[in-house]
C-alpha atoms as a PDB file:
ATOM      1  CA  MET A   1     112.481  72.328  80.536  1.00  0.00           C
ATOM      2  CA  ASN A   2     109.451  72.288  82.119  1.00  0.00           C
ATOM      3  CA  ARG A   3     108.489  75.142  84.298  1.00  0.00           C
ATOM      4  CA  ALA A   4     107.624  74.751  88.100  1.00  0.00           C
ATOM      5  CA  VAL A   5     104.287  74.215  89.267  1.00  0.00           C
ATOM      6  CA  PRO A   6     102.029  73.941  92.213  1.00  0.00           C
ATOM      7  CA  LEU A   7     101.976  69.581  93.255  1.00  0.00           C
ATOM      8  CA  PRO A   8      98.112  69.749  92.931  1.00  0.00           C
ATOM      9  CA  HIS A   9      98.680  70.522  89.084  1.00  0.00           C
ATOM     10  CA  LEU A  10     100.046  67.431  88.247  1.00  0.00           C
ATOM     11  CA  LYS A  11      97.787  64.291  87.365  1.00  0.00           C
ATOM     12  CA  SER A  12      97.618  61.167  89.669  1.00  0.00           C
ATOM     13  CA  GLY A  13     100.714  58.828  87.993  1.00  0.00           C
ATOM     14  CA  GLN A  14     102.555  61.260  87.257  1.00  0.00           C
ATOM     15  CA  HIS A  15     106.789  61.816  88.257  1.00  0.00           C
ATOM     16  CA  ALA A  16     108.183  65.244  89.340  1.00  0.00           C
ATOM     17  CA  GLN A  17     111.192  66.982  90.791  1.00  0.00           C
ATOM     18  CA  VAL A  18     110.360  68.964  93.351  1.00  0.00           C
ATOM     19  CA  VAL A  19     111.733  72.207  93.143  1.00  0.00           C
ATOM     20  CA  GLU A  20     110.916  74.652  96.283  1.00  0.00           C
ATOM     21  CA  LEU A  21     109.040  73.962  99.598  1.00  0.00           C
ATOM     22  CA  ARG A  22     107.152  77.357 100.255  1.00  0.00           C
ATOM     23  CA  SER A  23     106.077  77.499 103.826  1.00  0.00           C
ATOM     24  CA  ASP A  24     106.995  79.989 106.509  1.00  0.00           C
ATOM     25  CA  ASN A  25     106.081  77.159 109.295  1.00  0.00           C
ATOM     26  CA  HIS A  26     109.941  75.492 110.218  1.00  0.00           C
ATOM     27  CA  THR A  27     108.019  72.821 111.907  1.00  0.00           C
ATOM     28  CA  ARG A  28     106.036  71.884 108.514  1.00  0.00           C
ATOM     29  CA  LEU A  29     109.299  72.176 106.934  1.00  0.00           C
ATOM     30  CA  ALA A  30     111.007  70.425 109.087  1.00  0.00           C
ATOM     31  CA  ARG A  31     108.821  67.664 109.134  1.00  0.00           C
ATOM     32  CA  LEU A  32     108.779  66.918 105.156  1.00  0.00           C
ATOM     33  CA  GLY A  33     112.004  67.137 105.151  1.00  0.00           C
ATOM     34  CA  ALA A  34     112.268  64.097 107.762  1.00  0.00           C
ATOM     35  CA  LEU A  35     109.863  62.022 105.071  1.00  0.00           C
ATOM     36  CA  GLY A  36     112.206  62.846 102.461  1.00  0.00           C
ATOM     37  CA  LEU A  37     110.254  65.509 100.784  1.00  0.00           C
ATOM     38  CA  MET A  38     112.555  68.151  99.652  1.00  0.00           C
ATOM     39  CA  PRO A  39     114.005  69.828  96.555  1.00  0.00           C
ATOM     40  CA  GLY A  40     115.560  67.674  94.510  1.00  0.00           C
ATOM     41  CA  SER A  41     113.547  64.723  95.963  1.00  0.00           C
ATOM     42  CA  TRP A  42     111.555  62.592  93.344  1.00  0.00           C
ATOM     43  CA  LEU A  43     107.700  62.207  93.697  1.00  0.00           C
ATOM     44  CA  VAL A  44     105.320  60.152  91.875  1.00  0.00           C
ATOM     45  CA  VAL A  45     101.702  61.212  92.707  1.00  0.00           C
ATOM     46  CA  LEU A  46      99.692  58.323  93.871  1.00  0.00           C
ATOM     47  CA  GLN A  47      95.916  60.210  94.241  1.00  0.00           C
ATOM     48  CA  LYS A  48      94.623  64.090  94.052  1.00  0.00           C
ATOM     49  CA  LYS A  49      91.168  62.873  95.949  1.00  0.00           C
ATOM     50  CA  PRO A  50      90.233  63.266  98.744  1.00  0.00           C
ATOM     51  CA  ALA A  51      94.114  64.331  99.572  1.00  0.00           C
ATOM     52  CA  VAL A  52      97.052  64.392  98.057  1.00  0.00           C
ATOM     53  CA  VAL A  53      98.861  61.041  97.910  1.00  0.00           C
ATOM     54  CA  VAL A  54     102.395  60.856  97.004  1.00  0.00           C
ATOM     55  CA  ARG A  55     105.202  58.486  97.205  1.00  0.00           C
ATOM     56  CA  VAL A  56     108.607  59.584  97.800  1.00  0.00           C
ATOM     57  CA  GLY A  57     111.417  56.788  98.004  1.00  0.00           C
ATOM     58  CA  GLU A  58     109.089  53.947  99.549  1.00  0.00           C
ATOM     59  CA  THR A  59     107.535  56.448 101.886  1.00  0.00           C
ATOM     60  CA  GLU A  60     103.833  57.344 101.069  1.00  0.00           C
ATOM     61  CA  ILE A  61     102.835  60.746 102.265  1.00  0.00           C
ATOM     62  CA  SER A  62      98.967  62.197 102.566  1.00  0.00           C
ATOM     63  CA  LEU A  63      99.133  66.044 101.831  1.00  0.00           C
ATOM     64  CA  ASP A  64      95.735  68.099 102.240  1.00  0.00           C
ATOM     65  CA  ASP A  65      95.573  70.504  99.743  1.00  0.00           C
ATOM     66  CA  ALA A  66      96.756  73.592 101.240  1.00  0.00           C
ATOM     67  CA  VAL A  67     100.566  71.789 101.960  1.00  0.00           C
ATOM     68  CA  ALA A  68      99.862  70.528  98.319  1.00  0.00           C
ATOM     69  CA  GLY A  69      99.794  73.951  97.244  1.00  0.00           C
ATOM     70  CA  GLU A  70     103.084  75.089  99.084  1.00  0.00           C
ATOM     71  CA  ILE A  71     105.389  72.453  96.923  1.00  0.00           C
ATOM     72  CA  LEU A  72     106.393  73.909  93.568  1.00  0.00           C
ATOM     73  CA  VAL A  73     107.675  70.635  91.814  1.00  0.00           C
ATOM     74  CA  ARG A  74     108.971  70.290  87.479  1.00  0.00           C
ATOM     75  CA  PRO A  75     107.194  67.659  86.165  1.00  0.00           C
ATOM     76  CA  ALA A  76     109.116  64.615  84.758  1.00  0.00           C
END
């Protein structure tokens, strides 16, 4: 089984499952959850620069590096 890594460690095109959101910002956690980004959800990295962009289901989410670094994923 693959180890969990911070989201920015993935390459564009890579699929992964969200393991943990490491943030003390409850508003941010609620917003990410409302967009479908929560433990157990699957994502694909669409781009890494200038921002990390992921697709969760039919939703594309743009994340700055600080927020992306708080998301731990397990690569597929």
